[in-house]
Structures are given as structure tokens and as C-alpha cells.
Amino acid sequence: MFFFDVRDWPSILEKRARIKELNKNERHIDNQIVETRKELNLLKTNAQTIEKYAREKYLMKKDNEDLFIINTASANK
């Protein structure tokens, strides 16, 4: 005769694996938060960082410049 209990071994192992996965995701998100805060601090304090961010993220340029975009993902194929 078998009894089904919430504390059986397969469910315990499954829950431990899920906890490991969630802890790994939490560490990853914490690292992203730290990096984002560092970047935000630089953007608040450094004008050169603001210019670099605008150029890289929004493809902005000065009036007397030409902008060439090279897509490295398609160049490798």
C-alpha cells in the first residue's frame, strides 16, 4: 500500500532543483542591477559618458561626422 505525501523524495529533489535555479537567477539579476547602477552613476556625473552612450545606443552623431554601422553578426556568416 502506498501513501502519497507532500514530503516524498521526488518532489523534494524537484523543489531543491527549482530553488537552485531561482537562486542562480537572483544572483544574475543582482549582478545586472549593480552594473546598471554603475552605468547610471557614470551617466549622472560624466558628460563624456553621456555622449558615448548616445552614440552607441541611439546612433547619434555630430553634424560634421559620418556614421558607418557594421553589423558583426552577419559579417561572421
N, C-alpha and C. Protein backbone atom coordinates (compact mmCIF):
# COMPACT_ATOMS: atom_id res chain seq x y z
N MET A 1 0.84 -1.16 0.00
CA MET A 1 0.00 0.00 0.00
C MET A 1 0.90 1.24 0.00
N PHE A 2 0.58 2.20 -0.87
CA PHE A 2 1.37 3.42 -0.98
C PHE A 2 0.58 4.61 -0.45
N PHE A 3 1.29 5.49 0.20
CA PHE A 3 0.69 6.75 0.66
C PHE A 3 1.41 7.89 -0.05
N PHE A 4 0.64 8.81 -0.53
CA PHE A 4 1.22 9.98 -1.19
C PHE A 4 1.34 11.10 -0.19
N ASP A 5 2.54 11.54 -0.02
CA ASP A 5 2.83 12.57 0.97
C ASP A 5 3.50 13.75 0.29
N VAL A 6 3.34 14.95 0.81
CA VAL A 6 3.98 16.13 0.23
C VAL A 6 5.49 16.12 0.47
N ARG A 7 5.97 15.24 1.32
CA ARG A 7 7.39 15.16 1.63
C ARG A 7 8.05 13.94 1.00
N ASP A 8 7.59 13.53 -0.17
CA ASP A 8 8.22 12.37 -0.81
C ASP A 8 9.49 12.82 -1.54
N TRP A 9 10.40 11.90 -1.78
CA TRP A 9 11.71 12.21 -2.32
C TRP A 9 11.69 12.86 -3.70
N PRO A 10 10.91 12.40 -4.64
CA PRO A 10 10.93 13.07 -5.95
C PRO A 10 10.52 14.54 -5.89
N SER A 11 9.52 14.85 -5.10
CA SER A 11 9.10 16.25 -5.02
C SER A 11 10.13 17.09 -4.25
N ILE A 12 10.78 16.48 -3.26
CA ILE A 12 11.83 17.20 -2.52
C ILE A 12 12.98 17.54 -3.47
N LEU A 13 13.41 16.58 -4.26
CA LEU A 13 14.50 16.83 -5.21
C LEU A 13 14.11 17.85 -6.26
N GLU A 14 12.87 17.79 -6.72
CA GLU A 14 12.39 18.75 -7.71
C GLU A 14 12.37 20.16 -7.13
N LYS A 15 11.94 20.28 -5.88
CA LYS A 15 11.89 21.58 -5.23
C LYS A 15 13.30 22.13 -4.98
N ARG A 16 14.23 21.27 -4.64
CA ARG A 16 15.62 21.72 -4.44
C ARG A 16 16.22 22.21 -5.75
N ALA A 17 15.93 21.51 -6.84
CA ALA A 17 16.43 21.94 -8.14
C ALA A 17 15.82 23.30 -8.52
N ARG A 18 14.56 23.48 -8.24
CA ARG A 18 13.88 24.74 -8.54
C ARG A 18 14.47 25.87 -7.70
N ILE A 19 14.76 25.60 -6.43
CA ILE A 19 15.37 26.60 -5.55
C ILE A 19 16.75 26.99 -6.07
N LYS A 20 17.55 26.00 -6.52
CA LYS A 20 18.87 26.30 -7.09
C LYS A 20 18.75 27.21 -8.31
N GLU A 21 17.80 26.89 -9.16
CA GLU A 21 17.58 27.68 -10.37
C GLU A 21 17.16 29.11 -10.02
N LEU A 22 16.27 29.26 -9.05
CA LEU A 22 15.82 30.59 -8.64
C LEU A 22 16.94 31.38 -7.99
N ASN A 23 17.78 30.73 -7.20
CA ASN A 23 18.93 31.42 -6.60
C ASN A 23 19.92 31.88 -7.67
N LYS A 24 20.13 31.05 -8.68
CA LYS A 24 21.02 31.43 -9.77
C LYS A 24 20.46 32.64 -10.51
N ASN A 25 19.16 32.64 -10.78
CA ASN A 25 18.52 33.78 -11.44
C ASN A 25 18.61 35.04 -10.58
N GLU A 26 18.47 34.88 -9.28
CA GLU A 26 18.55 36.02 -8.38
C GLU A 26 19.95 36.63 -8.40
N ARG A 27 20.99 35.80 -8.39
CA ARG A 27 22.36 36.31 -8.45
C ARG A 27 22.61 37.04 -9.77
N HIS A 28 22.09 36.49 -10.85
CA HIS A 28 22.25 37.12 -12.17
C HIS A 28 21.57 38.50 -12.20
N ILE A 29 20.37 38.57 -11.67
CA ILE A 29 19.64 39.84 -11.64
C ILE A 29 20.33 40.84 -10.72
N ASP A 30 20.85 40.37 -9.59
CA ASP A 30 21.59 41.26 -8.69
C ASP A 30 22.82 41.84 -9.39
N ASN A 31 23.54 41.01 -10.16
CA ASN A 31 24.69 41.50 -10.91
C ASN A 31 24.28 42.53 -11.95
N GLN A 32 23.15 42.30 -12.62
CA GLN A 32 22.67 43.27 -13.59
C GLN A 32 22.30 44.59 -12.92
N ILE A 33 21.71 44.52 -11.74
CA ILE A 33 21.35 45.74 -11.00
C ILE A 33 22.59 46.53 -10.64
N VAL A 34 23.64 45.85 -10.18
CA VAL A 34 24.88 46.52 -9.82
C VAL A 34 25.48 47.20 -11.04
N GLU A 35 25.54 46.51 -12.17
CA GLU A 35 26.10 47.09 -13.39
C GLU A 35 25.27 48.29 -13.86
N THR A 36 23.97 48.18 -13.78
CA THR A 36 23.09 49.27 -14.21
C THR A 36 23.26 50.49 -13.31
N ARG A 37 23.42 50.25 -12.02
CA ARG A 37 23.63 51.38 -11.10
C ARG A 37 24.97 52.07 -11.37
N LYS A 38 26.01 51.30 -11.68
CA LYS A 38 27.30 51.89 -12.02
C LYS A 38 27.18 52.75 -13.28
N GLU A 39 26.49 52.21 -14.29
CA GLU A 39 26.30 52.94 -15.53
C GLU A 39 25.48 54.21 -15.30
N LEU A 40 24.44 54.12 -14.49
CA LEU A 40 23.62 55.28 -14.19
C LEU A 40 24.42 56.35 -13.46
N ASN A 41 25.26 55.94 -12.53
CA ASN A 41 26.10 56.89 -11.80
C ASN A 41 27.05 57.60 -12.77
N LEU A 42 27.63 56.85 -13.71
CA LEU A 42 28.50 57.47 -14.70
C LEU A 42 27.73 58.44 -15.59
N LEU A 43 26.53 58.07 -15.96
CA LEU A 43 25.72 58.95 -16.80
C LEU A 43 25.33 60.24 -16.06
N LYS A 44 25.15 60.15 -14.77
CA LYS A 44 24.79 61.33 -13.99
C LYS A 44 25.97 62.27 -13.77
N THR A 45 27.19 61.75 -13.77
CA THR A 45 28.34 62.55 -13.36
C THR A 45 29.30 62.90 -14.49
N ASN A 46 29.28 62.19 -15.60
CA ASN A 46 30.31 62.36 -16.62
C ASN A 46 29.67 62.69 -17.97
N ALA A 47 30.00 63.85 -18.53
CA ALA A 47 29.44 64.28 -19.81
C ALA A 47 29.95 63.40 -20.95
N GLN A 48 31.19 62.94 -20.87
CA GLN A 48 31.73 62.07 -21.92
C GLN A 48 30.99 60.74 -21.96
N THR A 49 30.58 60.25 -20.82
CA THR A 49 29.82 59.00 -20.78
C THR A 49 28.45 59.18 -21.42
N ILE A 50 27.83 60.33 -21.20
CA ILE A 50 26.54 60.60 -21.83
C ILE A 50 26.69 60.61 -23.34
N GLU A 51 27.74 61.25 -23.85
CA GLU A 51 27.97 61.30 -25.29
C GLU A 51 28.23 59.90 -25.84
N LYS A 52 29.04 59.12 -25.16
CA LYS A 52 29.33 57.76 -25.60
C LYS A 52 28.06 56.90 -25.62
N TYR A 53 27.24 57.03 -24.59
CA TYR A 53 26.00 56.27 -24.50
C TYR A 53 25.06 56.65 -25.65
N ALA A 54 24.94 57.93 -25.92
CA ALA A 54 24.06 58.39 -27.00
C ALA A 54 24.56 57.89 -28.35
N ARG A 55 25.85 57.90 -28.55
CA ARG A 55 26.41 57.42 -29.82
C ARG A 55 26.20 55.92 -30.00
N GLU A 56 26.41 55.15 -28.96
CA GLU A 56 26.32 53.69 -29.08
C GLU A 56 24.88 53.19 -29.09
N LYS A 57 24.06 53.71 -28.21
CA LYS A 57 22.70 53.18 -28.07
C LYS A 57 21.72 53.78 -29.08
N TYR A 58 21.87 55.07 -29.37
CA TYR A 58 20.89 55.77 -30.20
C TYR A 58 21.46 56.20 -31.55
N LEU A 59 22.69 55.79 -31.84
CA LEU A 59 23.35 56.07 -33.12
C LEU A 59 23.36 57.56 -33.45
N MET A 60 23.56 58.39 -32.46
CA MET A 60 23.63 59.84 -32.67
C MET A 60 25.02 60.20 -33.15
N LYS A 61 25.09 61.32 -33.87
CA LYS A 61 26.37 61.77 -34.39
C LYS A 61 26.42 63.28 -34.39
N LYS A 62 27.62 63.82 -34.53
CA LYS A 62 27.78 65.27 -34.66
C LYS A 62 27.48 65.68 -36.10
N ASP A 63 27.26 66.96 -36.31
CA ASP A 63 26.89 67.45 -37.64
C ASP A 63 27.98 67.20 -38.68
N ASN A 64 29.23 67.30 -38.30
CA ASN A 64 30.32 67.16 -39.26
C ASN A 64 30.89 65.74 -39.33
N GLU A 65 30.14 64.75 -38.89
CA GLU A 65 30.61 63.37 -38.88
C GLU A 65 29.76 62.50 -39.80
N ASP A 66 30.37 61.42 -40.27
CA ASP A 66 29.64 60.39 -40.99
C ASP A 66 29.57 59.16 -40.08
N LEU A 67 28.47 58.44 -40.18
CA LEU A 67 28.26 57.28 -39.33
C LEU A 67 28.21 56.03 -40.17
N PHE A 68 29.09 55.08 -39.87
CA PHE A 68 29.12 53.79 -40.57
C PHE A 68 28.76 52.71 -39.56
N ILE A 69 27.74 51.95 -39.87
CA ILE A 69 27.28 50.88 -38.97
C ILE A 69 27.72 49.54 -39.57
N ILE A 70 28.48 48.79 -38.79
CA ILE A 70 28.95 47.47 -39.22
C ILE A 70 28.28 46.44 -38.35
N ASN A 71 27.53 45.56 -38.97
CA ASN A 71 26.83 44.51 -38.25
C ASN A 71 27.75 43.29 -38.20
N THR A 72 28.31 43.01 -37.03
CA THR A 72 29.27 41.92 -36.91
C THR A 72 28.62 40.55 -36.94
N ALA A 73 27.35 40.46 -36.60
CA ALA A 73 26.69 39.16 -36.59
C ALA A 73 26.55 38.62 -38.00
N SER A 74 26.21 39.46 -38.96
CA SER A 74 26.07 38.99 -40.34
C SER A 74 27.42 38.90 -41.04
N ALA A 75 28.43 39.63 -40.54
CA ALA A 75 29.75 39.58 -41.15
C ALA A 75 30.43 38.24 -40.88
N ASN A 76 30.09 37.58 -39.77
CA ASN A 76 30.71 36.31 -39.41
C ASN A 76 30.19 35.14 -40.24
N LYS A 77 29.05 35.29 -40.88
CA LYS A 77 28.44 34.19 -41.62
C LYS A 77 29.06 33.98 -42.97
